[in-house]
């Protein structure tokens, strides 16, 4: 979420702390070495993850450039499981 942190500081005109920059650099290095799911999902594919256990982000998606397929869309669902 580095982009959002940096752009938020920029929009608020609040300089980022050098320690925050160093911390984000270390986190980026660690995450770049981690196991990453980086696949292009096809029509009908589903990606399911537990936000409590995973750091995640996504790249933008594009509809079929030829216009032959219906436009793609994304649906997000938040599922809460009750612990009894």
N, C-alpha and C. Protein backbone atom coordinates (compact mmCIF):
# COMPACT_ATOMS: atom_id res chain seq x y z
N UNK A 1 0.81 -1.19 0.00
CA UNK A 1 0.00 0.00 0.00
C UNK A 1 0.86 1.26 0.00
N UNK A 2 2.11 1.08 -0.37
CA UNK A 2 3.06 2.19 -0.35
C UNK A 2 2.57 3.39 -1.18
N UNK A 3 2.00 3.10 -2.34
CA UNK A 3 1.53 4.18 -3.21
C UNK A 3 0.55 5.07 -2.46
N UNK A 4 -0.39 4.46 -1.73
CA UNK A 4 -1.42 5.23 -1.04
C UNK A 4 -0.83 6.03 0.11
N UNK A 5 0.16 5.48 0.78
CA UNK A 5 0.81 6.20 1.88
C UNK A 5 1.56 7.41 1.33
N UNK A 6 2.33 7.18 0.27
CA UNK A 6 3.12 8.28 -0.31
C UNK A 6 2.22 9.36 -0.92
N UNK A 7 1.18 8.93 -1.66
CA UNK A 7 0.32 9.93 -2.29
C UNK A 7 -0.51 10.67 -1.24
N UNK A 8 -0.87 10.00 -0.15
CA UNK A 8 -1.59 10.67 0.93
C UNK A 8 -0.75 11.76 1.57
N UNK A 9 0.52 11.46 1.81
CA UNK A 9 1.43 12.48 2.37
C UNK A 9 1.57 13.65 1.40
N UNK A 10 1.70 13.32 0.12
CA UNK A 10 1.87 14.37 -0.89
C UNK A 10 0.63 15.26 -0.96
N UNK A 11 -0.56 14.65 -0.99
CA UNK A 11 -1.80 15.44 -1.07
C UNK A 11 -2.01 16.28 0.18
N UNK A 12 -1.62 15.74 1.33
CA UNK A 12 -1.78 16.48 2.59
C UNK A 12 -0.64 17.47 2.80
N UNK A 13 0.32 17.45 1.89
CA UNK A 13 1.51 18.30 1.98
C UNK A 13 2.23 18.12 3.32
N UNK A 14 2.32 16.84 3.71
CA UNK A 14 3.03 16.47 4.94
C UNK A 14 4.22 15.62 4.53
N UNK A 15 5.44 16.06 4.81
CA UNK A 15 6.60 15.27 4.41
C UNK A 15 6.63 13.92 5.12
N UNK A 16 7.09 12.92 4.40
CA UNK A 16 7.20 11.59 5.01
C UNK A 16 8.43 11.52 5.90
N UNK A 17 8.28 10.85 7.00
CA UNK A 17 9.39 10.64 7.92
C UNK A 17 10.44 9.76 7.25
N UNK A 18 11.72 10.09 7.41
CA UNK A 18 12.76 9.21 6.86
C UNK A 18 12.66 7.79 7.42
N UNK A 19 12.24 7.65 8.68
CA UNK A 19 12.10 6.31 9.25
C UNK A 19 10.96 5.53 8.59
N UNK A 20 9.89 6.22 8.22
CA UNK A 20 8.79 5.56 7.50
C UNK A 20 9.28 5.08 6.15
N UNK A 21 10.04 5.89 5.45
CA UNK A 21 10.59 5.49 4.15
C UNK A 21 11.48 4.27 4.29
N UNK A 22 12.34 4.26 5.29
CA UNK A 22 13.23 3.12 5.53
C UNK A 22 12.42 1.88 5.86
N UNK A 23 11.40 2.02 6.71
CA UNK A 23 10.56 0.88 7.08
C UNK A 23 9.84 0.32 5.84
N UNK A 24 9.32 1.20 4.99
CA UNK A 24 8.63 0.72 3.79
C UNK A 24 9.61 0.06 2.82
N UNK A 25 10.84 0.57 2.74
CA UNK A 25 11.86 -0.08 1.91
C UNK A 25 12.12 -1.50 2.37
N UNK A 26 12.27 -1.69 3.69
CA UNK A 26 12.50 -3.04 4.23
C UNK A 26 11.30 -3.94 3.97
N UNK A 27 10.09 -3.42 4.16
CA UNK A 27 8.90 -4.21 3.90
C UNK A 27 8.81 -4.60 2.43
N UNK A 28 9.08 -3.66 1.53
CA UNK A 28 9.07 -3.96 0.10
C UNK A 28 10.06 -5.07 -0.24
N UNK A 29 11.27 -5.00 0.33
CA UNK A 29 12.28 -6.03 0.07
C UNK A 29 11.80 -7.39 0.55
N UNK A 30 11.21 -7.45 1.74
CA UNK A 30 10.73 -8.72 2.29
C UNK A 30 9.59 -9.28 1.45
N UNK A 31 8.65 -8.41 1.05
CA UNK A 31 7.51 -8.88 0.27
C UNK A 31 7.94 -9.31 -1.14
N UNK A 32 8.94 -8.66 -1.69
CA UNK A 32 9.42 -9.05 -3.03
C UNK A 32 10.03 -10.44 -3.03
N UNK A 33 10.51 -10.90 -1.89
CA UNK A 33 11.10 -12.24 -1.77
C UNK A 33 10.05 -13.29 -1.41
N UNK A 34 8.86 -12.85 -1.03
CA UNK A 34 7.81 -13.76 -0.56
C UNK A 34 7.16 -14.50 -1.72
N UNK A 35 6.39 -15.47 -1.38
CA UNK A 35 5.60 -16.22 -2.36
C UNK A 35 4.49 -15.29 -2.87
N UNK A 36 4.45 -15.10 -4.17
CA UNK A 36 3.50 -14.15 -4.75
C UNK A 36 2.64 -14.84 -5.80
N UNK A 37 1.35 -14.63 -5.74
CA UNK A 37 0.42 -15.09 -6.78
C UNK A 37 0.33 -13.97 -7.79
N UNK A 38 0.84 -14.21 -8.97
CA UNK A 38 0.85 -13.18 -10.01
C UNK A 38 0.39 -13.82 -11.32
N UNK A 39 -0.89 -14.06 -11.41
CA UNK A 39 -1.46 -14.71 -12.58
C UNK A 39 -2.52 -13.81 -13.21
N UNK A 40 -2.70 -13.97 -14.48
CA UNK A 40 -3.77 -13.26 -15.19
C UNK A 40 -5.02 -14.13 -15.11
N UNK A 41 -6.03 -13.65 -14.42
CA UNK A 41 -7.26 -14.41 -14.29
C UNK A 41 -8.07 -14.33 -15.58
N UNK A 42 -8.65 -15.44 -15.95
CA UNK A 42 -9.48 -15.51 -17.16
C UNK A 42 -10.95 -15.48 -16.77
N UNK A 43 -11.81 -15.32 -17.73
CA UNK A 43 -13.25 -15.28 -17.51
C UNK A 43 -13.68 -16.48 -16.67
N UNK A 44 -14.40 -16.20 -15.60
CA UNK A 44 -14.87 -17.27 -14.73
C UNK A 44 -13.91 -17.64 -13.61
N UNK A 45 -12.67 -17.15 -13.64
CA UNK A 45 -11.70 -17.46 -12.59
C UNK A 45 -12.04 -16.68 -11.32
N UNK A 46 -11.61 -17.21 -10.20
CA UNK A 46 -11.88 -16.62 -8.91
C UNK A 46 -10.61 -16.65 -8.08
N UNK A 47 -10.30 -15.54 -7.44
CA UNK A 47 -9.19 -15.49 -6.49
C UNK A 47 -9.80 -15.26 -5.12
N UNK A 48 -9.48 -16.12 -4.17
CA UNK A 48 -10.04 -16.03 -2.82
C UNK A 48 -8.88 -15.96 -1.85
N UNK A 49 -8.89 -14.98 -0.96
CA UNK A 49 -7.81 -14.88 0.02
C UNK A 49 -8.35 -14.38 1.35
N UNK A 50 -7.62 -14.68 2.39
CA UNK A 50 -7.97 -14.25 3.74
C UNK A 50 -7.14 -13.00 4.03
N UNK A 51 -7.78 -11.84 4.13
CA UNK A 51 -7.07 -10.58 4.34
C UNK A 51 -6.36 -10.51 5.68
N UNK A 52 -6.77 -11.35 6.62
CA UNK A 52 -6.12 -11.35 7.93
C UNK A 52 -4.74 -12.00 7.82
N UNK A 53 -4.60 -12.94 6.90
CA UNK A 53 -3.36 -13.71 6.78
C UNK A 53 -2.46 -13.26 5.63
N UNK A 54 -2.95 -12.46 4.73
CA UNK A 54 -2.19 -12.12 3.52
C UNK A 54 -2.13 -10.63 3.29
N UNK A 55 -0.97 -10.17 2.88
CA UNK A 55 -0.86 -8.81 2.34
C UNK A 55 -1.20 -8.94 0.86
N UNK A 56 -1.99 -8.01 0.34
CA UNK A 56 -2.38 -8.17 -1.05
C UNK A 56 -2.60 -6.83 -1.73
N UNK A 57 -2.55 -6.90 -3.02
CA UNK A 57 -2.87 -5.79 -3.90
C UNK A 57 -3.24 -6.41 -5.24
N UNK A 58 -3.63 -5.61 -6.16
CA UNK A 58 -3.93 -6.14 -7.48
C UNK A 58 -3.58 -5.11 -8.53
N UNK A 59 -3.34 -5.62 -9.71
CA UNK A 59 -3.11 -4.75 -10.86
C UNK A 59 -4.47 -4.50 -11.52
N UNK A 60 -4.54 -3.47 -12.31
CA UNK A 60 -5.80 -3.18 -12.99
C UNK A 60 -6.11 -4.27 -14.01
N UNK A 61 -7.36 -4.39 -14.36
CA UNK A 61 -7.74 -5.35 -15.38
C UNK A 61 -8.34 -4.60 -16.56
N UNK A 62 -8.31 -5.25 -17.71
CA UNK A 62 -8.78 -4.61 -18.94
C UNK A 62 -9.78 -5.52 -19.63
N UNK A 63 -10.77 -4.91 -20.23
CA UNK A 63 -11.72 -5.67 -21.04
C UNK A 63 -11.03 -6.07 -22.34
N UNK A 64 -11.66 -6.97 -23.07
CA UNK A 64 -11.15 -7.46 -24.35
C UNK A 64 -10.91 -6.29 -25.30
N UNK A 65 -9.65 -6.06 -25.72
CA UNK A 65 -9.37 -4.91 -26.59
C UNK A 65 -10.05 -5.02 -27.96
N UNK A 66 -10.40 -6.23 -28.39
CA UNK A 66 -11.06 -6.38 -29.70
C UNK A 66 -12.54 -6.04 -29.63
N UNK A 67 -13.10 -6.01 -28.41
CA UNK A 67 -14.50 -5.71 -28.24
C UNK A 67 -15.41 -6.89 -28.54
N UNK A 68 -14.84 -8.08 -28.80
CA UNK A 68 -15.65 -9.24 -29.14
C UNK A 68 -16.28 -9.89 -27.91
N UNK A 69 -15.61 -9.79 -26.77
CA UNK A 69 -16.14 -10.38 -25.54
C UNK A 69 -16.86 -9.30 -24.75
N UNK A 70 -17.84 -9.72 -23.95
CA UNK A 70 -18.51 -8.71 -23.09
C UNK A 70 -17.49 -8.08 -22.15
N UNK A 71 -17.73 -6.84 -21.70
CA UNK A 71 -16.78 -6.19 -20.81
C UNK A 71 -16.64 -6.96 -19.49
N UNK A 72 -15.42 -6.95 -18.96
CA UNK A 72 -15.17 -7.63 -17.68
C UNK A 72 -15.61 -6.73 -16.54
N UNK A 73 -15.86 -7.34 -15.42
CA UNK A 73 -16.17 -6.57 -14.22
C UNK A 73 -15.65 -7.34 -13.01
N UNK A 74 -15.45 -6.61 -11.94
CA UNK A 74 -14.93 -7.22 -10.73
C UNK A 74 -15.97 -7.07 -9.63
N UNK A 75 -16.13 -8.13 -8.87
CA UNK A 75 -17.03 -8.10 -7.72
C UNK A 75 -16.21 -8.48 -6.50
N UNK A 76 -16.30 -7.65 -5.46
CA UNK A 76 -15.63 -7.98 -4.20
C UNK A 76 -16.69 -8.34 -3.18
N UNK A 77 -16.41 -9.34 -2.40
CA UNK A 77 -17.32 -9.75 -1.33
C UNK A 77 -16.51 -9.89 -0.04
N UNK A 78 -17.05 -9.37 1.02
CA UNK A 78 -16.42 -9.51 2.33
C UNK A 78 -17.20 -10.55 3.10
N UNK A 79 -16.55 -11.63 3.45
CA UNK A 79 -17.19 -12.74 4.14
C UNK A 79 -16.69 -12.76 5.57
N UNK A 80 -17.60 -12.72 6.51
CA UNK A 80 -17.22 -12.78 7.93
C UNK A 80 -17.63 -14.13 8.48
N UNK A 81 -16.66 -14.81 9.09
CA UNK A 81 -16.91 -16.10 9.69
C UNK A 81 -16.97 -15.92 11.20
N UNK A 82 -18.06 -16.38 11.80
CA UNK A 82 -18.19 -16.27 13.25
C UNK A 82 -17.40 -17.37 13.93
N UNK A 83 -16.61 -17.00 14.91
CA UNK A 83 -15.91 -17.99 15.73
C UNK A 83 -16.79 -18.31 16.93
N UNK A 84 -17.13 -19.56 17.07
CA UNK A 84 -17.99 -19.95 18.21
C UNK A 84 -17.22 -20.68 19.26
